[in-house]
Amino acid sequence: MAKRNYRFNPETLSYERIGLNIKRIITRFLTYFSSSLALALLITFIIITYFETPKMKSLKSENQRLLTQYELMGKDLETIEKVMAEIQQRDDNIYRVIFESEPIPSSIRKAGFGGANKYSNLENMDNANLVITTATKLDILLKETYIQSKSYDDVMNLALSKEKMLASIPAVQPVSNKDLKRTASGWGYRIHPIYKIRKFHYGMDFTAPTGTEIYATGDGKVTLVKGNKRSKIGFGLEIKIDHGFGYVTLYGHLNGFNVKSGQLVKRGDVIGYIGNSGGSTAPHLHYEIHKNGKPVNPEYYYFKDLTPQEYEKMVAISSNMGQSFD
């Protein structure tokens, strides 16, 4: 039976039944609904806060597995970084040294990793530091791997042209000098024979009678044949040969030429004859080797026709000469 409500009427001194109108019904409904909704929200909050649904447990477990995978990936990337660093070290200090090629500068290997933040879209993620660090390492390795692959392409080309390079490198004496008696002044500070001052001598001098044959010390192309035989300054009559691979040789104070500019020559070809032209005090050959545009000591490049004992003797002779011939 439904509950009935009454109220006391003081005028009639009796209890009268209270009827339900629309307003009271709506008010009562809203009161019950609000209370129920508040209770439901409270229960939901408690469940979400202190209890995990199966789906939440599954997502949490999956997230933990992903974090573990990221950590393992980070360790693997560190291992790969060490391997890549070792590969780069071998490339620069072994392979490229063997083929006499300049190492790849660090500025090129590490290029492209600065500037705008390409990972800004990841900064709002949970565990953003871990994700961004991993992504950065991966991008760096991809770039370094690409550069290293290009480097190995270069090394492969160098290997294929090694035979040509060995034939081109200046590797013999420019005059016949088996007994080493034609060895004169060498690389280093010497007294200039004309000015009588201490001056650096960027080459080696070989004394021999006028007209003695001069040989190309490596395969190459003649790039310069010029000079005035009567001139008393400079190298007088001189020849330059570009051997490729960064090597250029110079032959000065000649008496005559046996080649012309643009001519291709082989190691051992007669290119000219010893003389006394230019700023020279006696018949001799002034010989220089340039590597990548800079003069280098020629005595390091006689490995094709000198034994170790002969080499030591030549170094001793050229070092003892206190005065150059030009």
Protein backbone atom coordinates (compact mmCIF):
# COMPACT_ATOMS: atom_id res chain seq x y z
CA MET A 1 0.00 0.00 0.00
CA ALA A 2 1.35 3.44 -0.94
CA LYS A 3 2.30 5.68 1.92
CA ARG A 4 -0.21 8.49 2.61
CA ASN A 5 0.71 11.85 4.09
CA TYR A 6 -1.52 14.00 6.34
CA ARG A 7 -1.38 17.44 7.93
CA PHE A 8 -3.26 18.93 10.93
CA ASN A 9 -5.79 21.66 10.20
CA PRO A 10 -6.13 23.92 13.31
CA GLU A 11 -9.37 25.42 12.09
CA THR A 12 -11.18 22.13 11.82
CA LEU A 13 -9.09 20.46 14.50
CA SER A 14 -8.68 17.49 12.26
CA TYR A 15 -6.08 15.74 10.02
CA GLU A 16 -6.45 16.24 6.32
CA ARG A 17 -4.85 14.15 3.62
CA ILE A 18 -2.13 15.90 1.59
CA GLY A 19 -2.53 15.47 -2.13
CA LEU A 20 0.41 15.34 -4.60
CA ASN A 21 0.58 18.05 -7.20
CA ILE A 22 2.83 18.29 -10.24
CA LYS A 23 5.28 20.66 -8.56
CA ARG A 24 5.81 18.37 -5.59
CA ILE A 25 6.20 15.39 -7.86
CA ILE A 26 8.88 17.15 -9.95
CA THR A 27 10.68 18.43 -6.88
CA ARG A 28 10.71 15.02 -5.29
CA PHE A 29 11.93 13.44 -8.53
CA LEU A 30 14.74 15.91 -8.92
CA THR A 31 15.80 15.40 -5.33
CA TYR A 32 15.92 11.64 -5.69
CA PHE A 33 17.69 11.91 -9.09
CA SER A 34 20.34 14.33 -7.85
CA SER A 35 21.05 12.20 -4.83
CA SER A 36 21.32 9.07 -6.95
CA LEU A 37 23.58 10.81 -9.49
CA ALA A 38 25.87 12.15 -6.79
CA LEU A 39 26.08 8.72 -5.20
CA ALA A 40 26.80 7.11 -8.58
CA LEU A 41 29.57 9.61 -9.30
CA LEU A 42 31.06 9.03 -5.88
CA ILE A 43 31.03 5.26 -6.38
CA THR A 44 32.54 5.64 -9.88
CA PHE A 45 35.32 7.87 -8.54
CA ILE A 46 36.14 5.38 -5.81
CA ILE A 47 36.23 2.51 -8.31
CA ILE A 48 38.42 4.39 -10.78
CA THR A 49 40.77 5.59 -8.04
CA TYR A 50 41.17 2.49 -5.99
CA PHE A 51 40.14 -0.33 -8.29
CA GLU A 52 41.36 -1.28 -11.81
CA THR A 53 39.13 -2.63 -14.50
CA PRO A 54 40.37 -5.55 -16.61
CA LYS A 55 40.87 -3.17 -19.55
CA MET A 56 42.91 -0.77 -17.43
CA LYS A 57 45.01 -3.63 -16.14
CA SER A 58 45.61 -4.76 -19.72
CA LEU A 59 46.59 -1.24 -20.86
CA LYS A 60 48.89 -0.75 -17.88
CA SER A 61 50.58 -4.08 -18.54
CA GLU A 62 50.99 -3.23 -22.21
CA ASN A 63 52.45 0.20 -21.34
CA GLN A 64 54.97 -1.42 -19.02
CA ARG A 65 56.01 -3.84 -21.74
CA LEU A 66 56.49 -0.91 -24.14
CA LEU A 67 58.68 0.90 -21.60
CA THR A 68 60.76 -2.23 -21.17
CA GLN A 69 61.14 -2.53 -24.93
CA TYR A 70 62.25 1.12 -25.16
CA GLU A 71 64.86 0.54 -22.47
CA LEU A 72 66.15 -2.57 -24.24
CA MET A 73 66.16 -0.69 -27.55
CA GLY A 74 68.18 2.09 -25.92
CA LYS A 75 70.80 -0.43 -24.77
CA ASP A 76 70.92 -1.98 -28.25
CA LEU A 77 71.37 1.48 -29.78
CA GLU A 78 74.27 2.16 -27.42
CA THR A 79 75.92 -1.06 -28.59
CA ILE A 80 75.36 -0.11 -32.23
CA GLU A 81 76.81 3.35 -31.54
CA LYS A 82 80.00 1.74 -30.21
CA VAL A 83 80.22 -0.51 -33.27
CA MET A 84 79.65 2.47 -35.58
CA ALA A 85 82.36 4.47 -33.79
CA GLU A 86 84.78 1.56 -34.27
CA ILE A 87 83.88 1.33 -37.97
CA GLN A 88 84.44 5.06 -38.40
CA GLN A 89 87.79 4.84 -36.59
CA ARG A 90 88.94 2.03 -38.89
CA ASP A 91 87.70 3.88 -41.94
CA ASP A 92 89.57 7.09 -41.07
CA ASN A 93 92.75 5.64 -39.58
CA ILE A 94 93.25 2.38 -41.49
CA TYR A 95 91.41 2.14 -44.80
CA ARG A 96 91.83 5.77 -45.82
CA VAL A 97 95.44 5.82 -44.63
CA ILE A 98 96.20 2.78 -46.79
CA PHE A 99 94.78 4.55 -49.84
CA GLU A 100 96.23 7.93 -48.80
CA SER A 101 92.85 9.65 -48.62
CA GLU A 102 91.83 12.32 -46.15
CA PRO A 103 89.50 11.11 -43.33
CA ILE A 104 85.90 12.34 -43.29
CA PRO A 105 85.70 15.41 -41.00
CA SER A 106 83.63 15.03 -37.84
CA SER A 107 81.65 18.12 -38.89
CA ILE A 108 80.31 16.13 -41.86
CA ARG A 109 79.66 12.93 -39.93
CA LYS A 110 77.70 14.85 -37.28
CA ALA A 111 76.02 17.34 -39.63
CA GLY A 112 72.26 17.90 -39.56
CA PHE A 113 71.52 17.19 -35.89
CA GLY A 114 71.12 20.74 -34.60
CA GLY A 115 68.64 23.53 -35.29
CA ALA A 116 64.85 23.16 -35.01
CA ASN A 117 63.38 20.72 -32.52
CA LYS A 118 61.97 17.95 -34.70
CA TYR A 119 60.66 16.06 -31.68
CA SER A 120 58.38 18.78 -30.28
CA ASN A 121 55.32 16.64 -31.10
CA LEU A 122 56.59 14.01 -28.65
CA GLU A 123 57.10 16.33 -25.68
CA ASN A 124 53.54 15.94 -24.35
CA MET A 125 53.69 12.16 -24.22
CA ASP A 126 54.14 10.15 -21.06
CA ASN A 127 57.82 9.17 -20.67
CA ALA A 128 58.66 11.81 -23.31
CA ASN A 129 62.37 11.91 -22.39
CA LEU A 130 62.80 8.20 -23.00
CA VAL A 131 60.95 8.33 -26.32
CA ILE A 132 62.77 11.44 -27.56
CA THR A 133 66.20 10.09 -26.53
CA THR A 134 65.57 6.84 -28.38
CA ALA A 135 64.28 8.64 -31.49
CA THR A 136 67.30 10.97 -31.49
CA LYS A 137 69.80 8.09 -31.24
CA LEU A 138 68.04 6.28 -34.07
CA ASP A 139 68.09 9.35 -36.35
CA ILE A 140 71.79 9.94 -35.64
CA LEU A 141 72.66 6.33 -36.42
CA LEU A 142 70.68 6.45 -39.66
CA LYS A 143 72.59 9.56 -40.78
CA GLU A 144 75.98 8.14 -39.75
CA THR A 145 75.20 4.84 -41.48
CA TYR A 146 74.36 6.67 -44.70
CA ILE A 147 77.59 8.70 -44.58
CA GLN A 148 79.62 5.58 -43.78
CA SER A 149 78.10 3.73 -46.73
CA LYS A 150 79.15 6.61 -49.00
CA SER A 151 82.62 6.50 -47.47
CA TYR A 152 82.94 2.80 -48.27
CA ASP A 153 81.90 3.57 -51.84
CA ASP A 154 84.85 5.98 -51.97
CA VAL A 155 87.18 3.40 -50.43
CA MET A 156 86.01 0.85 -53.00
CA ASN A 157 86.82 3.27 -55.82
CA LEU A 158 90.21 3.93 -54.24
CA ALA A 159 90.87 0.19 -54.05
CA LEU A 160 89.96 -0.23 -57.71
CA SER A 161 92.36 2.58 -58.65
CA LYS A 162 95.11 1.45 -56.26
CA GLU A 163 97.24 0.02 -59.09
CA LYS A 164 97.07 3.31 -60.94
CA MET A 165 97.85 5.21 -57.75
CA LEU A 166 100.93 3.07 -57.03
CA ALA A 167 102.21 3.77 -60.53
CA SER A 168 101.54 7.49 -60.16
CA ILE A 169 103.06 8.20 -56.75
CA PRO A 170 106.60 9.64 -57.08
CA ALA A 171 108.63 6.68 -55.82
CA VAL A 172 112.07 6.75 -57.45
CA GLN A 173 115.00 9.12 -57.68
CA PRO A 174 114.81 11.57 -60.58
CA VAL A 175 118.39 10.82 -61.69
CA SER A 176 120.49 7.68 -61.92
CA ASN A 177 122.10 7.56 -58.49
CA LYS A 178 122.82 3.97 -57.58
CA ASP A 179 126.02 4.78 -55.69
CA LEU A 180 124.33 7.82 -54.06
CA LYS A 181 127.27 10.04 -55.00
CA ARG A 182 124.94 12.46 -56.77
CA THR A 183 123.01 13.13 -53.57
CA ALA A 184 123.57 16.71 -52.45
CA SER A 185 121.57 19.09 -50.28
CA GLY A 186 118.36 17.82 -48.73
CA TRP A 187 115.19 19.12 -47.09
CA GLY A 188 115.48 21.71 -44.33
CA TYR A 189 117.28 24.91 -43.44
CA ARG A 190 120.41 25.51 -45.53
CA ILE A 191 122.76 28.38 -46.33
CA HIS A 192 121.71 29.94 -49.63
CA PRO A 193 124.71 29.80 -52.00
CA ILE A 194 124.10 33.28 -53.43
CA TYR A 195 122.58 35.31 -50.58
CA LYS A 196 124.56 33.49 -47.86
CA ILE A 197 121.60 33.51 -45.52
CA ARG A 198 119.85 30.68 -43.69
CA LYS A 199 116.86 29.68 -45.80
CA PHE A 200 114.50 26.70 -45.88
CA HIS A 201 115.19 24.34 -48.76
CA TYR A 202 111.89 22.78 -49.94
CA GLY A 203 113.34 19.87 -51.87
CA MET A 204 116.50 17.90 -52.70
CA ASP A 205 119.45 18.67 -54.92
CA PHE A 206 121.21 16.09 -57.12
CA THR A 207 124.56 17.02 -58.65
CA ALA A 208 125.50 15.64 -62.07
CA PRO A 209 127.21 16.79 -65.26
CA THR A 210 125.25 19.04 -67.59
CA GLY A 211 123.11 16.97 -69.93
CA THR A 212 122.54 14.08 -67.49
CA GLU A 213 119.11 12.55 -68.06
CA ILE A 214 116.25 13.36 -65.67
CA TYR A 215 113.45 10.83 -65.19
CA ALA A 216 109.78 11.18 -64.33
CA THR A 217 109.39 9.71 -60.85
CA GLY A 218 105.81 8.55 -61.43
CA ASP A 219 103.12 8.35 -64.10
CA GLY A 220 101.40 11.64 -64.78
CA LYS A 221 100.71 14.56 -67.06
CA VAL A 222 103.20 17.34 -67.79
CA THR A 223 101.54 20.60 -66.76
CA LEU A 224 104.45 23.05 -67.05
CA VAL A 225 107.43 23.34 -69.38
CA LYS A 226 108.87 26.82 -69.20
CA GLY A 227 111.75 29.06 -68.23
CA ASN A 228 114.63 31.11 -69.55
CA LYS A 229 117.94 29.32 -69.88
CA ARG A 230 119.83 32.56 -69.39
CA SER A 231 117.87 33.69 -66.35
CA LYS A 232 119.85 33.91 -63.12
CA ILE A 233 116.84 33.80 -60.79
CA GLY A 234 114.32 31.15 -59.81
CA PHE A 235 114.40 27.63 -61.20
CA GLY A 236 115.39 28.64 -64.73
CA LEU A 237 114.14 25.91 -67.04
CA GLU A 238 111.62 23.85 -65.08
CA ILE A 239 109.10 21.07 -65.52
CA LYS A 240 106.03 20.19 -63.43
CA ILE A 241 104.18 16.89 -63.58
CA ASP A 242 100.73 16.30 -62.09
CA HIS A 243 100.57 12.67 -60.99
CA GLY A 244 97.01 12.79 -59.68
CA PHE A 245 95.99 11.68 -56.21
CA GLY A 246 97.22 15.04 -54.90
CA TYR A 247 100.85 14.64 -56.05
CA VAL A 248 102.83 17.14 -58.14
CA THR A 249 106.61 17.04 -58.82
CA LEU A 250 108.88 19.92 -59.85
CA TYR A 251 112.22 19.66 -61.66
CA GLY A 252 114.33 22.84 -61.77
CA HIS A 253 117.56 24.33 -63.23
CA LEU A 254 117.39 22.18 -66.37
CA ASN A 255 119.53 22.54 -69.47
CA GLY A 256 116.85 21.29 -71.86
CA PHE A 257 113.46 19.56 -72.22
CA ASN A 258 112.43 16.20 -73.62
CA VAL A 259 108.67 16.67 -73.11
CA LYS A 260 106.02 19.27 -73.85
CA SER A 261 103.11 20.60 -71.80
CA GLY A 262 100.11 18.28 -71.78
CA GLN A 263 102.16 15.17 -72.54
CA LEU A 264 101.46 11.96 -70.61
CA VAL A 265 104.55 10.31 -69.17
CA LYS A 266 105.39 7.07 -67.40
CA ARG A 267 107.72 6.53 -64.47
CA GLY A 268 111.27 6.32 -65.83
CA ASP A 269 110.62 8.37 -69.00
CA VAL A 270 113.35 10.91 -69.75
CA ILE A 271 111.74 14.34 -69.37
CA GLY A 272 114.77 16.66 -69.47
CA TYR A 273 118.44 17.19 -68.82
CA ILE A 274 120.42 18.57 -65.88
CA GLY A 275 121.72 22.09 -66.26
CA ASN A 276 122.70 25.24 -64.41
CA SER A 277 119.89 27.63 -65.35
CA GLY A 278 118.20 30.07 -62.97
CA GLY A 279 119.56 30.85 -59.53
CA SER A 280 122.00 27.94 -59.51
CA THR A 281 125.69 27.83 -58.61
CA ALA A 282 126.57 24.50 -60.29
CA PRO A 283 124.99 21.92 -62.60
CA HIS A 284 122.36 20.08 -60.56
CA LEU A 285 118.68 19.17 -60.36
CA HIS A 286 116.42 20.76 -57.79
CA TYR A 287 113.59 18.27 -57.12
CA GLU A 288 110.39 18.90 -55.16
CA ILE A 289 107.29 16.87 -54.31
CA HIS A 290 104.00 18.55 -53.41
CA LYS A 291 101.10 16.69 -51.73
CA ASN A 292 97.70 18.40 -51.76
CA GLY A 293 99.34 21.71 -52.57
CA LYS A 294 102.02 21.59 -49.86
CA PRO A 295 105.72 20.69 -50.30
CA VAL A 296 106.80 17.47 -48.58
CA ASN A 297 110.21 15.92 -47.96
CA PRO A 298 111.21 13.97 -51.13
CA GLU A 299 113.40 11.56 -49.17
CA TYR A 300 110.23 9.80 -47.96
CA TYR A 301 109.40 8.77 -51.53
CA TYR A 302 112.33 6.69 -52.74
CA PHE A 303 110.97 3.31 -51.63
CA LYS A 304 111.00 1.81 -55.14
CA ASP A 305 114.78 1.91 -55.74
CA LEU A 306 116.51 2.16 -52.33
CA THR A 307 117.17 -0.50 -49.73
CA PRO A 308 116.83 0.49 -46.05
CA GLN A 309 120.61 0.76 -45.81
CA GLU A 310 120.84 2.94 -48.93
CA TYR A 311 118.01 5.10 -47.66
CA GLU A 312 119.78 5.73 -44.33
CA LYS A 313 122.95 6.62 -46.21
CA MET A 314 121.09 9.06 -48.48
CA VAL A 315 119.46 10.78 -45.48
CA ALA A 316 122.86 11.13 -43.81
CA ILE A 317 124.46 12.61 -46.93
CA SER A 318 121.65 15.11 -47.60
CA SER A 319 121.54 16.17 -43.94
CA ASN A 320 125.28 16.85 -43.71
CA MET A 321 125.21 19.31 -46.61
CA GLY A 322 125.12 22.73 -44.97
CA GLN A 323 124.59 24.69 -48.19
CA SER A 324 122.13 24.21 -51.02
CA PHE A 325 122.92 24.72 -54.71
CA ASP A 326 119.99 27.11 -55.31
